Amino acid sequence: MQTRTPSTVIVVGSGIVGAGTAYFLAKRGVAVQLLDAAAPAAEATGAADGAVSVASKRPGPMMQAALAGVALYRELAQAGLFADIFKTRSTFIIASSNEECTVLTSHADALAGAGVRVERLGAAMLRERFPALSSNAMMAVEVHDEGHAIGYQIVHRLLTASGTLVSRRTPVEGLVTAPDGRRIVAIATPQGNIHADAVVIAAGNGSGKLLGLEQILTPRKGQLLITERAPALNAAMAGSIMSGRYLLSKGSQPAGNGKPARGLGLVIDPLSTGQFLIGGTREDHGDRRTNDIDAVSHILADAVALVPELAGVRLLRSFAGVRTAVADSLPLIGRVPGLENAYVATGFEGDGICLGPITGKVMSELVCGESPCIDIAPFDPARFPRLGVAA
């Protein structure tokens, strides 16, 4: 097992987790080589909604990790690293039906019980605080101390601050192990083998093939929309809006061989540019690179129903991204079973922006033989049988 700080580390994947890992390793004086099959933030990080949030988390390991993630964003913003690219704001979870009210009431109790600062707003107070909302809004819970960050900006800042260069268009073809199979001795690429003391795999969906976990990791598509600038409406929004339906949509994908479902939720985020980011879907099927009119129409209709003035705001573009989901809905963070110097961090699905920097810090601690700053036992990759390393 890795017991000392390595001199060199290869990080596979330059999304927010890989960039965070490179940043914290470089701060320790480790020489990092960052490889990517495409370019920094080219996949899920570059197509994320940017939520740095605990609002939708249930009590348990993901909530605790998210709380640590939000705290680290604030710390790095105060230190200057994220000062101009991390926007603090509340998240308002809105219930517009009896079913959503029931779910939201229970969820608010759970958040408060976990120490999250929440405020419950009845219909009258909600309309006073948030006049842009439709009269259909029945109640809301304001989750304080949340934030928003654009993934590719965070990645750029982390890479620039660490001085890490990315070897672009360098796909990893396999992991070369020692004769006893206990250590990785090189990374195989089209340009040849690359050697390092340790390896961190943060390649999103690409991690599955490298680690033989294709049956564990699932590509999950999400569609998002961006509007034109609407400064007056944007300024009238007290924070990000999350429909109670979002809570219902999480986990709506069936297990096993059932017909894949499309989970539909609604998040409306007023961006610092005066625009709105509106989403989204959770899909285990379909063309993962494009949008479809049915999903876009549904999202827009729901958004206008909740914020009627959005009907006068033009849609500028729609886009989709593919996140990496894990079979049991918990990410993989830790040492690769059976390999002394290999680590994996993947499977964050829609939580990658929130958990990217804190996971990078954790990975640097693990690689250097230290105890991680958060409890990662629930995320241990050893909970799944390893099906073999690509070589």
Protein backbone atom coordinates (compact mmCIF):
# COMPACT_ATOMS: atom_id res chain seq x y z
CA MET A 1 0.00 0.00 0.00
CA GLN A 2 1.14 3.53 -0.76
CA THR A 3 2.66 4.84 2.53
CA ARG A 4 4.72 7.86 1.46
CA THR A 5 4.26 10.89 -0.71
CA PRO A 6 4.98 9.85 -4.30
CA SER A 7 7.25 11.94 -6.50
CA THR A 8 5.08 11.53 -9.61
CA VAL A 9 1.39 10.86 -10.13
CA ILE A 10 -0.63 10.34 -13.30
CA VAL A 11 -4.22 11.62 -13.12
CA VAL A 12 -6.51 10.24 -15.83
CA GLY A 13 -9.30 12.68 -16.67
CA SER A 14 -9.26 16.48 -16.54
CA GLY A 15 -12.80 17.16 -15.39
CA ILE A 16 -13.38 18.89 -12.06
CA VAL A 17 -12.35 15.85 -10.00
CA GLY A 18 -9.14 15.31 -11.94
CA ALA A 19 -8.31 19.01 -11.88
CA GLY A 20 -9.01 19.16 -8.14
CA THR A 21 -6.76 16.17 -7.55
CA ALA A 22 -3.97 17.74 -9.60
CA TYR A 23 -4.29 21.02 -7.70
CA PHE A 24 -4.03 19.51 -4.23
CA LEU A 25 -1.22 17.15 -5.23
CA ALA A 26 0.75 20.00 -6.81
CA LYS A 27 0.37 22.00 -3.59
CA ARG A 28 2.23 19.15 -1.88
CA GLY A 29 5.07 19.34 -4.40
CA VAL A 30 4.07 16.24 -6.35
CA ALA A 31 4.77 16.27 -10.09
CA VAL A 32 1.42 15.58 -11.78
CA GLN A 33 0.83 14.46 -15.35
CA LEU A 34 -2.82 14.97 -16.32
CA LEU A 35 -4.13 12.95 -19.27
CA ASP A 36 -7.42 13.39 -21.11
CA ALA A 37 -8.92 11.63 -24.09
CA ALA A 38 -10.28 14.99 -25.27
CA ALA A 39 -9.75 18.26 -23.37
CA PRO A 40 -10.30 19.76 -19.91
CA ALA A 41 -13.95 19.84 -18.81
CA ALA A 42 -14.99 18.38 -22.17
CA GLU A 43 -17.52 15.94 -20.74
CA ALA A 44 -19.86 16.12 -17.73
CA THR A 45 -18.04 19.03 -16.04
CA GLY A 46 -18.59 21.25 -19.05
CA ALA A 47 -22.28 20.38 -19.31
CA ALA A 48 -23.31 20.66 -15.67
CA ASP A 49 -25.82 22.90 -13.94
CA GLY A 50 -23.17 24.21 -11.52
CA ALA A 51 -25.04 23.52 -8.28
CA VAL A 52 -22.88 23.62 -5.16
CA SER A 53 -25.72 22.41 -3.03
CA VAL A 54 -27.03 20.10 -0.32
CA ALA A 55 -30.68 20.97 -0.97
CA SER A 56 -31.65 17.70 -2.65
CA LYS A 57 -29.52 15.43 -0.46
CA ARG A 58 -30.96 13.03 2.05
CA PRO A 59 -29.19 12.56 5.40
CA GLY A 60 -26.31 10.16 5.03
CA PRO A 61 -22.89 10.00 3.41
CA MET A 62 -23.77 12.11 0.35
CA MET A 63 -25.14 14.93 2.48
CA GLN A 64 -22.06 14.90 4.70
CA ALA A 65 -19.79 14.94 1.66
CA ALA A 66 -21.81 17.77 0.09
CA LEU A 67 -21.64 19.84 3.29
CA ALA A 68 -17.86 19.45 3.26
CA GLY A 69 -17.83 20.29 -0.45
CA VAL A 70 -19.76 23.54 0.02
CA ALA A 71 -17.54 24.50 2.96
CA LEU A 72 -14.41 23.98 0.86
CA TYR A 73 -15.80 26.20 -1.91
CA ARG A 74 -16.31 28.97 0.65
CA GLU A 75 -12.82 28.44 2.03
CA LEU A 76 -11.22 28.61 -1.42
CA ALA A 77 -13.32 31.65 -2.32
CA GLN A 78 -12.21 33.44 0.82
CA ALA A 79 -8.61 32.51 0.05
CA GLY A 80 -8.99 34.13 -3.38
CA LEU A 81 -8.82 31.04 -5.60
CA PHE A 82 -12.58 31.01 -6.35
CA ALA A 83 -13.33 34.57 -5.23
CA ASP A 84 -14.89 35.76 -8.48
CA ILE A 85 -16.30 32.49 -9.81
CA PHE A 86 -18.23 31.08 -6.85
CA LYS A 87 -21.63 32.72 -6.36
CA THR A 88 -23.30 32.29 -2.99
CA ARG A 89 -27.09 32.06 -2.88
CA SER A 90 -29.98 30.15 -1.31
CA THR A 91 -31.89 27.33 -2.95
CA PHE A 92 -35.69 27.46 -2.76
CA ILE A 93 -37.44 24.12 -3.07
CA ILE A 94 -40.98 24.86 -4.25
CA ALA A 95 -44.00 22.59 -3.81
CA SER A 96 -46.92 23.07 -6.20
CA SER A 97 -49.00 19.98 -5.41
CA ASN A 98 -50.14 18.07 -2.36
CA GLU A 99 -47.75 15.25 -3.21
CA GLU A 100 -44.82 17.65 -3.43
CA CYS A 101 -45.86 19.35 -0.16
CA THR A 102 -45.78 16.01 1.62
CA VAL A 103 -42.36 15.12 0.25
CA LEU A 104 -40.98 18.60 0.90
CA THR A 105 -42.20 18.73 4.51
CA SER A 106 -40.48 15.44 5.25
CA HIS A 107 -37.36 16.52 3.38
CA ALA A 108 -37.15 19.82 5.29
CA ASP A 109 -37.30 17.92 8.58
CA ALA A 110 -34.48 15.67 7.42
CA LEU A 111 -32.31 18.61 6.31
CA ALA A 112 -32.84 20.46 9.57
CA GLY A 113 -32.11 17.30 11.54
CA ALA A 114 -28.77 17.01 9.74
CA GLY A 115 -27.83 20.55 10.76
CA VAL A 116 -28.65 22.29 7.48
CA ARG A 117 -30.02 25.81 7.92
CA VAL A 118 -33.51 25.85 6.40
CA GLU A 119 -36.50 28.19 6.54
CA ARG A 120 -40.06 27.13 5.78
CA LEU A 121 -42.21 29.56 3.82
CA GLY A 122 -45.98 29.34 3.58
CA ALA A 123 -47.85 30.53 0.50
CA ALA A 124 -48.36 34.12 1.75
CA MET A 125 -44.76 34.64 2.86
CA LEU A 126 -43.49 32.96 -0.28
CA ARG A 127 -45.33 35.39 -2.55
CA GLU A 128 -43.98 38.29 -0.50
CA ARG A 129 -40.41 37.04 -0.70
CA PHE A 130 -40.62 35.70 -4.25
CA PRO A 131 -43.22 37.65 -6.25
CA ALA A 132 -42.03 36.18 -9.56
CA LEU A 133 -43.43 32.79 -8.58
CA SER A 134 -46.77 31.55 -9.85
CA SER A 135 -49.78 31.51 -7.54
CA ASN A 136 -49.64 27.73 -7.94
CA ALA A 137 -46.70 27.63 -5.50
CA MET A 138 -48.12 26.27 -2.23
CA MET A 139 -45.05 26.30 0.02
CA ALA A 140 -41.28 26.43 -0.09
CA VAL A 141 -38.21 25.59 1.91
CA GLU A 142 -35.27 27.97 1.68
CA VAL A 143 -31.96 26.16 2.04
CA HIS A 144 -29.37 28.72 3.08
CA ASP A 145 -25.61 28.89 2.44
CA GLU A 146 -25.65 27.29 -1.02
CA GLY A 147 -23.78 28.32 -4.14
CA HIS A 148 -23.20 28.09 -7.88
CA ALA A 149 -20.06 27.59 -9.93
CA ILE A 150 -19.50 27.04 -13.64
CA GLY A 151 -17.56 23.81 -14.05
CA TYR A 152 -15.14 24.78 -16.79
CA GLN A 153 -14.22 28.00 -14.95
CA ILE A 154 -13.40 26.04 -11.80
CA VAL A 155 -11.30 23.57 -13.80
CA HIS A 156 -9.40 26.39 -15.52
CA ARG A 157 -8.71 28.08 -12.19
CA LEU A 158 -7.48 24.86 -10.56
CA LEU A 159 -5.20 23.97 -13.46
CA THR A 160 -3.81 27.49 -13.74
CA ALA A 161 -3.16 27.79 -10.01
CA SER A 162 -1.41 24.41 -9.89
CA GLY A 163 0.60 24.97 -13.07
CA THR A 164 -0.62 21.61 -14.37
CA LEU A 165 -0.58 21.04 -18.11
CA VAL A 166 -3.05 18.62 -19.68
CA SER A 167 -1.96 16.08 -22.27
CA ARG A 168 -4.97 16.45 -24.55
CA ARG A 169 -6.24 13.80 -26.95
CA THR A 170 -4.32 11.19 -25.00
CA PRO A 171 -6.71 8.30 -24.33
CA VAL A 172 -5.59 5.66 -21.88
CA GLU A 173 -5.66 2.26 -23.54
CA GLY A 174 -4.83 0.17 -20.49
CA LEU A 175 -3.11 -0.12 -17.14
CA VAL A 176 0.19 -2.00 -17.14
CA THR A 177 0.66 -3.96 -13.93
CA ALA A 178 3.74 -5.49 -12.34
CA PRO A 179 4.25 -9.28 -12.72
CA ASP A 180 2.67 -9.89 -9.32
CA GLY A 181 -0.36 -7.81 -10.33
CA ARG A 182 -0.20 -5.68 -7.21
CA ARG A 183 0.98 -2.37 -8.65
CA ILE A 184 0.53 -0.31 -11.78
CA VAL A 185 3.89 0.31 -13.39
CA ALA A 186 2.73 2.28 -16.43
CA ILE A 187 -0.21 3.76 -18.30
CA ALA A 188 -0.56 2.62 -21.91
CA THR A 189 -1.41 5.38 -24.42
CA PRO A 190 -1.18 5.67 -28.21
CA GLN A 191 1.98 7.72 -27.65
CA GLY A 192 3.56 4.94 -25.58
CA ASN A 193 3.73 3.91 -21.96
CA ILE A 194 3.91 6.59 -19.26
CA HIS A 195 5.38 5.78 -15.87
CA ALA A 196 4.60 7.26 -12.45
CA ASP A 197 4.65 6.28 -8.79
CA ALA A 198 0.85 6.33 -8.49
CA VAL A 199 -2.24 6.65 -10.66
CA VAL A 200 -5.60 8.33 -10.02
CA ILE A 201 -8.43 7.42 -12.38
CA ALA A 202 -11.02 10.21 -12.59
CA ALA A 203 -12.22 9.56 -16.11
CA GLY A 204 -15.99 9.51 -15.59
CA ASN A 205 -17.62 6.93 -17.84
CA GLY A 206 -14.21 6.03 -19.23
CA SER A 207 -13.27 4.64 -15.82
CA GLY A 208 -15.54 1.65 -16.35
CA LYS A 209 -13.53 0.15 -19.19
CA LEU A 210 -10.20 0.71 -17.46
CA LEU A 211 -11.31 -0.96 -14.24
CA GLY A 212 -13.70 -3.58 -15.61
CA LEU A 213 -16.70 -1.83 -14.07
CA GLU A 214 -18.88 -1.36 -17.14
CA GLN A 215 -21.73 -3.17 -15.37
CA ILE A 216 -21.45 -0.89 -12.35
CA LEU A 217 -21.10 2.53 -14.01
CA THR A 218 -24.03 3.86 -16.07
CA PRO A 219 -23.96 6.84 -18.47
CA ARG A 220 -26.84 9.11 -17.46
CA LYS A 221 -27.90 11.93 -19.75
CA GLY A 222 -29.15 15.32 -18.63
CA GLN A 223 -30.64 18.07 -20.83
CA LEU A 224 -30.30 21.76 -19.86
CA LEU A 225 -31.40 25.11 -21.30
CA ILE A 226 -29.90 28.63 -21.31
CA THR A 227 -32.01 31.76 -21.83
CA GLU A 228 -31.19 35.26 -23.00
CA ARG A 229 -30.42 37.96 -20.45
CA ALA A 230 -33.41 39.23 -18.50
CA PRO A 231 -31.81 41.50 -15.88
CA ALA A 232 -34.98 42.71 -14.14
CA LEU A 233 -36.46 39.25 -13.70
CA ASN A 234 -33.09 37.81 -12.77
CA ALA A 235 -32.60 40.43 -10.05
CA ALA A 236 -36.07 39.69 -8.66
CA MET A 237 -35.15 36.05 -8.06
CA ALA A 238 -34.08 35.55 -4.45
CA GLY A 239 -32.10 32.45 -5.32
CA SER A 240 -32.14 29.23 -7.28
CA ILE A 241 -35.51 27.48 -7.62
CA MET A 242 -35.88 23.72 -7.38
CA SER A 243 -39.28 22.20 -7.99
CA GLY A 244 -40.46 19.61 -5.51
CA ARG A 245 -40.69 17.37 -8.55
CA TYR A 246 -36.88 17.29 -8.62
CA LEU A 247 -36.93 15.39 -5.34
CA LEU A 248 -39.42 12.97 -6.88
CA SER A 249 -37.33 12.56 -10.05
CA LYS A 250 -34.15 11.51 -8.25
CA GLY A 251 -33.83 7.76 -8.29
CA SER A 252 -36.66 7.35 -10.78
CA GLN A 253 -34.55 5.20 -13.11
CA PRO A 254 -35.50 1.54 -12.65
CA ALA A 255 -33.00 -1.11 -11.68
CA GLY A 256 -32.43 -4.31 -13.59
CA ASN A 257 -33.72 -4.82 -17.11
CA GLY A 258 -36.86 -2.71 -16.95
CA LYS A 259 -37.61 -0.19 -19.65
CA PRO A 260 -35.44 2.90 -19.06
CA ALA A 261 -37.34 5.90 -17.74
CA ARG A 262 -36.85 9.62 -18.22
CA GLY A 263 -36.76 11.43 -14.91
CA LEU A 264 -38.01 15.01 -15.17
CA GLY A 265 -37.29 17.65 -12.57
CA LEU A 266 -37.10 21.41 -12.65
CA VAL A 267 -34.32 23.74 -11.55
CA ILE A 268 -34.25 27.44 -12.48
CA ASP A 269 -30.98 29.17 -11.62
CA PRO A 270 -30.51 32.94 -12.09
CA LEU A 271 -26.95 33.28 -13.39
CA SER A 272 -24.62 36.19 -12.66
CA THR A 273 -24.81 37.08 -16.38
CA GLY A 274 -28.52 37.93 -16.04
CA GLN A 275 -29.48 34.74 -17.86
CA PHE A 276 -31.27 31.66 -16.53
CA LEU A 277 -30.10 28.07 -16.55
CA ILE A 278 -33.10 25.73 -16.65
CA GLY A 279 -33.07 21.97 -16.34
CA GLY A 280 -33.48 19.14 -16.60
CA THR A 281 -33.72 15.43 -17.25
CA ARG A 282 -32.20 12.21 -15.95
CA GLU A 283 -32.07 9.63 -18.74
CA ASP A 284 -30.54 6.21 -19.17
CA HIS A 285 -31.37 5.99 -22.86
CA GLY A 286 -31.49 7.94 -26.11
CA ASP A 287 -28.92 9.96 -28.03
CA ARG A 288 -26.64 11.24 -25.32
CA ARG A 289 -25.20 14.09 -27.38
CA THR A 290 -28.36 15.87 -28.48
CA ASN A 291 -31.55 17.43 -27.16
CA ASP A 292 -35.06 16.46 -28.18
CA ILE A 293 -38.08 18.68 -28.60
CA ASP A 294 -40.22 16.67 -26.19
CA ALA A 295 -37.82 17.17 -23.28
CA VAL A 296 -37.14 20.84 -24.09
CA SER A 297 -40.85 21.61 -24.42
CA HIS A 298 -41.63 19.85 -21.16
CA ILE A 299 -38.90 21.70 -19.26
CA LEU A 300 -39.96 25.08 -20.66
CA ALA A 301 -43.64 24.48 -19.91
CA ASP A 302 -42.84 23.56 -16.31
CA ALA A 303 -40.57 26.60 -15.94
CA VAL A 304 -43.21 29.03 -17.21
CA ALA A 305 -45.85 27.41 -14.99
CA LEU A 306 -43.66 28.14 -11.97
CA VAL A 307 -42.26 31.54 -13.09
CA PRO A 308 -44.81 33.00 -15.57
CA GLU A 309 -42.61 35.93 -16.67
CA LEU A 310 -40.20 33.46 -18.24
CA ALA A 311 -42.73 33.21 -21.09
CA GLY A 312 -41.32 36.50 -22.39
CA VAL A 313 -37.68 35.38 -22.21
CA ARG A 314 -36.15 33.76 -25.29
CA LEU A 315 -34.36 30.43 -25.18
CA LEU A 316 -30.81 30.83 -26.56
CA ARG A 317 -29.59 27.26 -26.56
CA SER A 318 -30.12 23.79 -25.25
CA PHE A 319 -27.42 21.27 -24.50
CA ALA A 320 -26.94 17.82 -23.02
CA GLY A 321 -24.26 16.11 -21.00
CA VAL A 322 -23.60 12.57 -19.89
CA ARG A 323 -22.84 12.01 -16.23
CA THR A 324 -21.56 8.85 -14.62
CA ALA A 325 -23.94 7.06 -12.26
CA VAL A 326 -23.15 4.08 -10.03
CA ALA A 327 -25.47 1.11 -9.52
CA ASP A 328 -26.06 1.93 -5.84
CA SER A 329 -26.15 5.73 -6.35
CA LEU A 330 -22.94 6.35 -4.39
CA PRO A 331 -19.68 7.42 -6.07
CA LEU A 332 -16.50 5.37 -6.10
CA ILE A 333 -13.79 7.12 -4.08
CA GLY A 334 -10.76 5.23 -2.84
CA ARG A 335 -8.00 2.80 -3.63
CA VAL A 336 -8.62 0.31 -6.43
CA PRO A 337 -8.95 -3.13 -4.78
CA GLY A 338 -5.88 -5.27 -5.28
CA LEU A 339 -3.65 -2.45 -6.50
CA GLU A 340 -1.34 -0.69 -4.06
CA ASN A 341 -0.80 2.52 -6.03
CA ALA A 342 -4.02 3.01 -7.97
CA TYR A 343 -7.00 5.10 -6.92
CA VAL A 344 -10.38 5.91 -8.46
CA ALA A 345 -12.83 8.80 -8.09
CA THR A 346 -15.86 8.60 -10.35
CA GLY A 347 -19.62 8.14 -10.43
CA PHE A 348 -20.78 11.50 -9.06
CA GLU A 349 -23.67 11.87 -11.50
CA GLY A 350 -25.20 15.32 -10.84
CA ASP A 351 -23.03 16.05 -7.79
CA GLY A 352 -19.67 16.39 -9.51
CA ILE A 353 -19.45 20.18 -9.35
CA CYS A 354 -20.27 20.25 -5.65
CA LEU A 355 -17.98 17.34 -4.76
CA GLY A 356 -15.16 17.89 -7.27
CA PRO A 357 -12.77 20.03 -5.18
CA ILE A 358 -13.35 18.15 -1.91
CA THR A 359 -12.82 14.85 -3.72
CA GLY A 360 -9.59 16.20 -5.21
CA LYS A 361 -8.41 17.04 -1.69
CA VAL A 362 -9.36 13.58 -0.47
CA MET A 363 -7.54 11.88 -3.34
CA SER A 364 -4.36 13.85 -2.63
CA GLU A 365 -4.54 12.72 1.00
CA LEU A 366 -5.06 9.08 0.04
CA VAL A 367 -2.23 9.10 -2.50
CA CYS A 368 0.10 10.58 0.11
CA GLY A 369 -0.80 7.95 2.70
CA GLU A 370 -2.91 10.19 4.94
CA SER A 371 -6.36 9.74 6.42
CA PRO A 372 -8.95 11.59 4.32
CA CYS A 373 -10.59 14.73 5.68
CA ILE A 374 -14.08 13.23 5.26
CA ASP A 375 -15.47 9.75 5.81
CA ILE A 376 -15.24 7.92 2.50
CA ALA A 377 -15.94 4.41 3.80
CA PRO A 378 -19.42 4.36 2.14
CA PHE A 379 -17.76 5.17 -1.20
CA ASP A 380 -15.12 2.41 -1.03
CA PRO A 381 -14.72 0.82 -4.49
CA ALA A 382 -14.15 -2.54 -2.78
CA ARG A 383 -17.92 -2.82 -2.22
CA PHE A 384 -18.11 -4.05 -5.82
CA PRO A 385 -16.20 -7.08 -7.14
CA ARG A 386 -13.49 -5.85 -9.48
CA LEU A 387 -13.97 -7.47 -12.86
CA GLY A 388 -10.38 -6.97 -13.99
CA VAL A 389 -8.04 -4.18 -15.06
CA ALA A 390 -7.67 -3.37 -18.74
CA ALA A 391 -4.16 -4.14 -19.88
